[in-house]
């Protein structure tokens, strides 16, 4: 007597049907995951000011796909450096100008880099229409305001 169940002699029919259904469900789940992978944003830009720092864990801990660009801009960096440059200036405009130029030339490289980075961030914030901080912008299209932890913003983005 032939049977359509090839291993019928080793396991009972009920157990075989369970295994077939389990295999089918797993196959469908894998096809579903393969067909619609969860993708994150390609670029995340964080815009923050002084006391409103945003917590930014490492990209790997956020579960971002490899290659996701992550930038943090402190848009008040220009104001902070400007405050330092104008500290204790004399009332004479010509003398003040000379002192400020001298201070700019003596800025450490790290502060120059921070200044440039802040300027780029400020320009991007204006380009995106960001009007308050903190703001987290995904792919230059969607901004989430007021969130101070990138993980929370990413969760809102994915919903």
Protein backbone atom coordinates (compact mmCIF):
# COMPACT_ATOMS: atom_id res chain seq x y z
CA UNK A 1 0.00 0.00 0.00
CA UNK A 2 1.49 3.31 -1.06
CA UNK A 3 1.16 6.47 0.94
CA UNK A 4 1.52 10.12 -0.06
CA UNK A 5 3.29 10.68 3.22
CA UNK A 6 6.88 9.61 2.53
CA UNK A 7 7.87 9.25 6.18
CA UNK A 8 4.60 7.83 7.40
CA UNK A 9 6.28 4.83 8.85
CA UNK A 10 8.48 7.01 11.14
CA UNK A 11 5.96 9.66 12.35
CA UNK A 12 2.22 9.67 12.58
CA UNK A 13 0.09 11.60 10.10
CA UNK A 14 -0.95 14.28 12.58
CA UNK A 15 2.67 15.14 13.40
CA UNK A 16 3.56 15.18 9.69
CA UNK A 17 0.74 17.65 8.93
CA UNK A 18 1.98 19.89 11.76
CA UNK A 19 5.49 19.88 10.31
CA UNK A 20 4.22 20.68 6.82
CA UNK A 21 2.11 23.58 8.13
CA UNK A 22 5.01 24.89 10.21
CA UNK A 23 7.31 24.74 7.17
CA UNK A 24 4.72 26.52 5.05
CA UNK A 25 4.25 29.28 7.66
CA UNK A 26 8.00 29.77 7.97
CA UNK A 27 8.38 29.92 4.21
CA UNK A 28 5.61 32.51 3.91
CA UNK A 29 7.15 34.55 6.73
CA UNK A 30 10.54 34.54 5.02
CA UNK A 31 8.98 35.51 1.70
CA UNK A 32 7.11 38.35 3.45
CA UNK A 33 10.26 39.62 5.14
CA UNK A 34 12.18 39.37 1.88
CA UNK A 35 9.48 41.16 -0.07
CA UNK A 36 9.12 44.10 2.27
CA UNK A 37 12.26 44.69 4.26
CA UNK A 38 12.13 47.33 6.92
CA UNK A 39 14.30 50.15 5.73
CA UNK A 40 15.48 53.14 7.65
CA UNK A 41 16.29 56.58 6.38
CA UNK A 42 19.38 57.13 4.22
CA UNK A 43 20.31 60.37 5.99
CA UNK A 44 19.59 61.69 9.48
CA UNK A 45 20.50 65.25 10.45
CA UNK A 46 20.22 66.45 14.03
CA UNK A 47 19.96 70.21 14.65
CA UNK A 48 20.49 71.27 18.24
CA UNK A 49 21.36 74.30 20.36
CA UNK A 50 23.11 74.72 23.73
CA UNK A 51 20.98 73.30 26.52
CA UNK A 52 18.75 71.27 24.18
CA UNK A 53 21.27 68.53 23.42
CA UNK A 54 20.04 65.45 21.58
CA UNK A 55 21.23 62.03 22.74
CA UNK A 56 22.74 60.29 19.73
CA UNK A 57 23.78 56.68 20.34
CA UNK A 58 26.12 54.94 17.91
CA UNK A 59 24.42 54.08 14.60
CA UNK A 60 25.00 50.36 15.19
CA UNK A 61 23.05 50.51 18.47
CA UNK A 62 20.15 52.22 16.71
CA UNK A 63 19.86 49.36 14.23
CA UNK A 64 20.38 51.63 11.25
CA UNK A 65 21.29 49.96 7.97
CA UNK A 66 24.96 50.21 6.96
CA UNK A 67 25.68 53.37 5.02
CA UNK A 68 23.13 55.54 6.82
CA UNK A 69 24.56 59.05 7.03
CA UNK A 70 24.26 60.64 10.48
CA UNK A 71 25.19 64.30 11.10
CA UNK A 72 24.80 66.40 14.25
CA UNK A 73 24.85 70.19 13.89
CA UNK A 74 25.13 72.59 16.82
CA UNK A 75 23.65 75.59 15.09
CA UNK A 76 24.51 77.94 17.94
CA UNK A 77 28.24 77.31 17.46
CA UNK A 78 28.68 80.56 15.53
CA UNK A 79 27.09 82.54 18.35
CA UNK A 80 29.28 80.86 20.98
CA UNK A 81 32.48 81.62 19.06
CA UNK A 82 31.30 85.15 18.30
CA UNK A 83 30.72 85.72 22.03
CA UNK A 84 34.27 84.54 22.77
CA UNK A 85 35.75 86.72 20.01
CA UNK A 86 33.99 89.87 21.22
CA UNK A 87 34.80 89.44 24.91
CA UNK A 88 36.46 92.46 26.57
CA UNK A 89 36.81 94.53 23.39
CA UNK A 90 37.71 98.23 23.66
CA UNK A 91 35.25 100.93 22.62
CA UNK A 92 37.44 102.08 19.72
CA UNK A 93 36.08 100.38 16.53
CA UNK A 94 39.45 100.25 14.75
CA UNK A 95 41.21 98.76 17.73
CA UNK A 96 38.35 96.27 18.26
CA UNK A 97 38.54 95.21 14.62
CA UNK A 98 42.27 94.59 14.90
CA UNK A 99 41.84 92.52 18.08
CA UNK A 100 39.02 90.43 16.62
CA UNK A 101 41.03 89.67 13.46
CA UNK A 102 43.97 88.68 15.63
CA UNK A 103 41.73 86.39 17.72
CA UNK A 104 40.31 84.78 14.56
CA UNK A 105 43.83 84.04 13.33
CA UNK A 106 44.66 82.47 16.68
CA UNK A 107 41.58 80.26 16.78
CA UNK A 108 42.55 76.62 17.28
CA UNK A 109 41.87 74.35 14.30
CA UNK A 110 39.18 72.51 16.26
CA UNK A 111 37.23 75.75 16.81
CA UNK A 112 37.58 76.67 13.12
CA UNK A 113 36.19 73.25 12.17
CA UNK A 114 33.33 73.70 14.68
CA UNK A 115 32.60 77.14 13.24
CA UNK A 116 32.47 75.79 9.69
CA UNK A 117 30.32 72.82 10.75
CA UNK A 118 27.89 75.14 12.56
CA UNK A 119 27.64 77.37 9.48
CA UNK A 120 26.84 74.36 7.28
CA UNK A 121 24.23 73.22 9.81
CA UNK A 122 22.65 76.64 9.99
CA UNK A 123 22.46 76.84 6.18
CA UNK A 124 20.84 73.39 6.02
CA UNK A 125 18.37 74.31 8.76
CA UNK A 126 17.33 77.35 6.73
CA UNK A 127 17.13 75.24 3.55
CA UNK A 128 14.83 72.69 5.27
CA UNK A 129 12.74 75.38 6.94
CA UNK A 130 13.67 74.25 10.45
CA UNK A 131 12.30 76.95 12.73
CA UNK A 132 12.90 75.55 16.23
CA UNK A 133 15.30 73.27 18.02
CA UNK A 134 15.98 70.49 18.62
CA UNK A 135 14.97 69.14 15.23
CA UNK A 136 15.79 65.80 13.63
CA UNK A 137 15.42 65.68 9.85
CA UNK A 138 15.10 62.40 7.95
CA UNK A 139 16.24 62.30 4.32
CA UNK A 140 15.83 66.07 4.06
CA UNK A 141 12.04 65.65 4.00
CA UNK A 142 10.58 64.92 7.42
CA UNK A 143 11.38 66.89 10.58
CA UNK A 144 10.58 65.82 14.11
CA UNK A 145 10.75 68.65 16.64
CA UNK A 146 11.31 68.71 20.38
CA UNK A 147 12.61 65.14 20.75
CA UNK A 148 15.91 64.94 22.61
CA UNK A 149 16.74 61.29 21.95
CA UNK A 150 17.46 60.01 18.46
CA UNK A 151 16.05 56.55 19.23
CA UNK A 152 12.63 58.09 20.03
CA UNK A 153 12.70 60.20 16.85
CA UNK A 154 13.61 57.15 14.78
CA UNK A 155 10.72 55.24 16.35
CA UNK A 156 8.32 58.07 15.40
CA UNK A 157 9.76 58.17 11.87
CA UNK A 158 9.16 54.44 11.38
CA UNK A 159 5.48 54.64 12.43
